[in-house]
Amino acid sequence: MSCIPNRTSPNTEKRIGANGGKYQARFKNADGSWTPWWNLGGGLNASDVEVKLVEAAEQPVGPMWNALLNYVLENQSEDPMALLRLWREGSFDVIRKEWPDAPKEIYPTA
């Protein structure tokens, strides 16, 4: 994982709250381009995943996102692209079923 500042589009990025909330995760595509976390598609497996953190300009998403990102980075053998996509879509029941060991901190409180 490398930390590479992104100075070309800081206003379009969502902040993850890590490092004081000034960096955001992006995932490397096969063609070498980088995809923001909220625009992930299928077709990638854990061995294809490379992550970088880029400088961001918006408010942090908060502790739910931090917990999710930490879980994804620690458990890359469990299809991180699908997990991030489902989380972004709010499919928390599916996540609970498919990733039963995911920390409770990634879910919204009732």
C-alpha atoms as a PDB file:
ATOM      1  CA  MET A   1       0.000   0.000   0.000  1.00  0.00           C
ATOM      2  CA  SER A   2       1.314   3.398  -0.881  1.00  0.00           C
ATOM      3  CA  CYS A   3       0.217   6.852   0.197  1.00  0.00           C
ATOM      4  CA  ILE A   4       0.061   9.048  -2.873  1.00  0.00           C
ATOM      5  CA  PRO A   5      -1.432  12.536  -2.619  1.00  0.00           C
ATOM      6  CA  ASN A   6      -4.133  13.271  -5.182  1.00  0.00           C
ATOM      7  CA  ARG A   7      -4.068  16.923  -6.105  1.00  0.00           C
ATOM      8  CA  THR A   8      -6.151  16.637  -9.295  1.00  0.00           C
ATOM      9  CA  SER A   9      -9.602  15.902  -7.865  1.00  0.00           C
ATOM     10  CA  PRO A  10      -9.631  16.427  -4.093  1.00  0.00           C
ATOM     11  CA  ASN A  11     -13.202  17.737  -4.006  1.00  0.00           C
ATOM     12  CA  THR A  12     -14.709  14.552  -5.441  1.00  0.00           C
ATOM     13  CA  GLU A  13     -13.210  12.223  -2.862  1.00  0.00           C
ATOM     14  CA  LYS A  14     -14.833  10.894   0.317  1.00  0.00           C
ATOM     15  CA  ARG A  15     -12.669  10.936   3.417  1.00  0.00           C
ATOM     16  CA  ILE A  16     -12.207   7.801   5.448  1.00  0.00           C
ATOM     17  CA  GLY A  17     -11.200   9.497   8.667  1.00  0.00           C
ATOM     18  CA  ALA A  18      -7.885   7.662   8.910  1.00  0.00           C
ATOM     19  CA  ASN A  19      -4.849   9.785   9.644  1.00  0.00           C
ATOM     20  CA  GLY A  20      -7.043  12.563  10.966  1.00  0.00           C
ATOM     21  CA  GLY A  21      -9.528  12.156   8.125  1.00  0.00           C
ATOM     22  CA  LYS A  22      -7.383  13.508   5.334  1.00  0.00           C
ATOM     23  CA  TYR A  23      -6.943  10.363   3.227  1.00  0.00           C
ATOM     24  CA  GLN A  24      -9.290   8.200   1.168  1.00  0.00           C
ATOM     25  CA  ALA A  25      -8.955   4.649  -0.202  1.00  0.00           C
ATOM     26  CA  ARG A  26      -8.693   3.898  -3.901  1.00  0.00           C
ATOM     27  CA  PHE A  27      -8.274   0.530  -5.594  1.00  0.00           C
ATOM     28  CA  LYS A  28      -5.947  -0.182  -8.516  1.00  0.00           C
ATOM     29  CA  ASN A  29      -7.519  -1.465 -11.754  1.00  0.00           C
ATOM     30  CA  ALA A  30      -5.877  -3.929 -14.167  1.00  0.00           C
ATOM     31  CA  ASP A  31      -5.076  -1.075 -16.581  1.00  0.00           C
ATOM     32  CA  GLY A  32      -3.188   0.810 -13.866  1.00  0.00           C
ATOM     33  CA  SER A  33      -5.889   3.405 -13.206  1.00  0.00           C
ATOM     34  CA  TRP A  34      -7.326   3.937  -9.714  1.00  0.00           C
ATOM     35  CA  THR A  35     -11.000   3.596  -8.722  1.00  0.00           C
ATOM     36  CA  PRO A  36     -12.480   5.427  -5.704  1.00  0.00           C
ATOM     37  CA  TRP A  37     -14.007   3.081  -3.114  1.00  0.00           C
ATOM     38  CA  TRP A  38     -17.602   4.149  -3.840  1.00  0.00           C
ATOM     39  CA  ASN A  39     -17.317   3.274  -7.546  1.00  0.00           C
ATOM     40  CA  LEU A  40     -16.260  -0.353  -7.188  1.00  0.00           C
ATOM     41  CA  GLY A  41     -17.489  -3.027  -9.557  1.00  0.00           C
ATOM     42  CA  GLY A  42     -17.292  -6.793  -9.540  1.00  0.00           C
ATOM     43  CA  GLY A  43     -14.734  -8.999 -11.214  1.00  0.00           C
ATOM     44  CA  LEU A  44     -11.830  -8.456  -8.843  1.00  0.00           C
ATOM     45  CA  ASN A  45     -10.558 -10.940  -6.328  1.00  0.00           C
ATOM     46  CA  ALA A  46      -8.363 -10.364  -3.306  1.00  0.00           C
ATOM     47  CA  SER A  47      -5.130 -11.074  -5.180  1.00  0.00           C
ATOM     48  CA  ASP A  48      -5.991  -8.266  -7.633  1.00  0.00           C
ATOM     49  CA  VAL A  49      -6.463  -5.656  -4.938  1.00  0.00           C
ATOM     50  CA  GLU A  50      -3.954  -2.899  -4.405  1.00  0.00           C
ATOM     51  CA  VAL A  51      -4.960   0.031  -2.244  1.00  0.00           C
ATOM     52  CA  LYS A  52      -3.645   3.556  -1.965  1.00  0.00           C
ATOM     53  CA  LEU A  53      -4.696   6.436   0.213  1.00  0.00           C
ATOM     54  CA  VAL A  54      -5.182   9.808  -1.433  1.00  0.00           C
ATOM     55  CA  GLU A  55      -5.606  13.248   0.027  1.00  0.00           C
ATOM     56  CA  ALA A  56      -9.252  14.242   0.327  1.00  0.00           C
ATOM     57  CA  ALA A  57     -11.104  17.471   1.061  1.00  0.00           C
ATOM     58  CA  GLU A  58     -14.500  16.461   2.503  1.00  0.00           C
ATOM     59  CA  GLN A  59     -15.646  15.564   6.014  1.00  0.00           C
ATOM     60  CA  PRO A  60     -14.747  12.059   7.248  1.00  0.00           C
ATOM     61  CA  VAL A  61     -17.315   9.317   6.861  1.00  0.00           C
ATOM     62  CA  GLY A  62     -16.643   8.283  10.434  1.00  0.00           C
ATOM     63  CA  PRO A  63     -15.968   5.268  12.597  1.00  0.00           C
ATOM     64  CA  MET A  64     -18.159   2.872  10.571  1.00  0.00           C
ATOM     65  CA  TRP A  65     -16.032   3.444   7.473  1.00  0.00           C
ATOM     66  CA  ASN A  66     -12.792   3.216   9.452  1.00  0.00           C
ATOM     67  CA  ALA A  67     -13.848  -0.133  10.936  1.00  0.00           C
ATOM     68  CA  LEU A  68     -14.887  -1.422   7.512  1.00  0.00           C
ATOM     69  CA  LEU A  69     -11.640  -0.383   5.851  1.00  0.00           C
ATOM     70  CA  ASN A  70      -9.584  -1.970   8.630  1.00  0.00           C
ATOM     71  CA  TYR A  71     -11.570  -5.208   8.310  1.00  0.00           C
ATOM     72  CA  VAL A  72     -11.164  -5.276   4.510  1.00  0.00           C
ATOM     73  CA  LEU A  73      -7.423  -4.653   4.690  1.00  0.00           C
ATOM     74  CA  GLU A  74      -6.948  -7.369   7.327  1.00  0.00           C
ATOM     75  CA  ASN A  75      -9.146  -9.964   5.533  1.00  0.00           C
ATOM     76  CA  GLN A  76      -8.343  -9.565   1.838  1.00  0.00           C
ATOM     77  CA  SER A  77      -9.023 -13.226   1.107  1.00  0.00           C
ATOM     78  CA  GLU A  78     -12.773 -12.670   1.550  1.00  0.00           C
ATOM     79  CA  ASP A  79     -13.781 -10.730  -1.623  1.00  0.00           C
ATOM     80  CA  PRO A  80     -13.248  -7.145  -0.447  1.00  0.00           C
ATOM     81  CA  MET A  81     -14.840  -5.610  -3.557  1.00  0.00           C
ATOM     82  CA  ALA A  82     -18.183  -7.294  -2.899  1.00  0.00           C
ATOM     83  CA  LEU A  83     -18.095  -6.338   0.771  1.00  0.00           C
ATOM     84  CA  LEU A  84     -17.385  -2.669   0.024  1.00  0.00           C
ATOM     85  CA  ARG A  85     -20.059  -2.551  -2.676  1.00  0.00           C
ATOM     86  CA  LEU A  86     -22.690  -4.118  -0.396  1.00  0.00           C
ATOM     87  CA  TRP A  87     -21.763  -1.767   2.447  1.00  0.00           C
ATOM     88  CA  ARG A  88     -22.063   1.248   0.154  1.00  0.00           C
ATOM     89  CA  GLU A  89     -25.498   0.013  -0.956  1.00  0.00           C
ATOM     90  CA  GLY A  90     -26.592  -0.474   2.655  1.00  0.00           C
ATOM     91  CA  SER A  91     -27.071  -4.251   2.305  1.00  0.00           C
ATOM     92  CA  PHE A  92     -26.109  -4.926   5.899  1.00  0.00           C
ATOM     93  CA  ASP A  93     -28.205  -8.112   6.251  1.00  0.00           C
ATOM     94  CA  VAL A  94     -26.284  -9.683   3.355  1.00  0.00           C
ATOM     95  CA  ILE A  95     -22.989  -8.619   4.934  1.00  0.00           C
ATOM     96  CA  ARG A  96     -24.015 -10.163   8.269  1.00  0.00           C
ATOM     97  CA  LYS A  97     -24.763 -13.446   6.476  1.00  0.00           C
ATOM     98  CA  GLU A  98     -21.704 -13.563   4.186  1.00  0.00           C
ATOM     99  CA  TRP A  99     -19.152 -12.079   6.620  1.00  0.00           C
ATOM    100  CA  PRO A 100     -20.307 -13.242  10.075  1.00  0.00           C
ATOM    101  CA  ASP A 101     -16.935 -12.372  11.597  1.00  0.00           C
ATOM    102  CA  ALA A 102     -17.159  -8.712  10.504  1.00  0.00           C
ATOM    103  CA  PRO A 103     -16.947  -6.342  13.478  1.00  0.00           C
ATOM    104  CA  LYS A 104     -20.183  -4.834  14.778  1.00  0.00           C
ATOM    105  CA  GLU A 105     -18.626  -1.371  14.351  1.00  0.00           C
ATOM    106  CA  ILE A 106     -19.169  -1.514  10.559  1.00  0.00           C
ATOM    107  CA  TYR A 107     -22.959  -1.538  10.997  1.00  0.00           C
ATOM    108  CA  PRO A 108     -25.198   1.445  11.736  1.00  0.00           C
ATOM    109  CA  THR A 109     -26.651   1.532  15.219  1.00  0.00           C
ATOM    110  CA  ALA A 110     -30.408   1.176  15.534  1.00  0.00           C
END
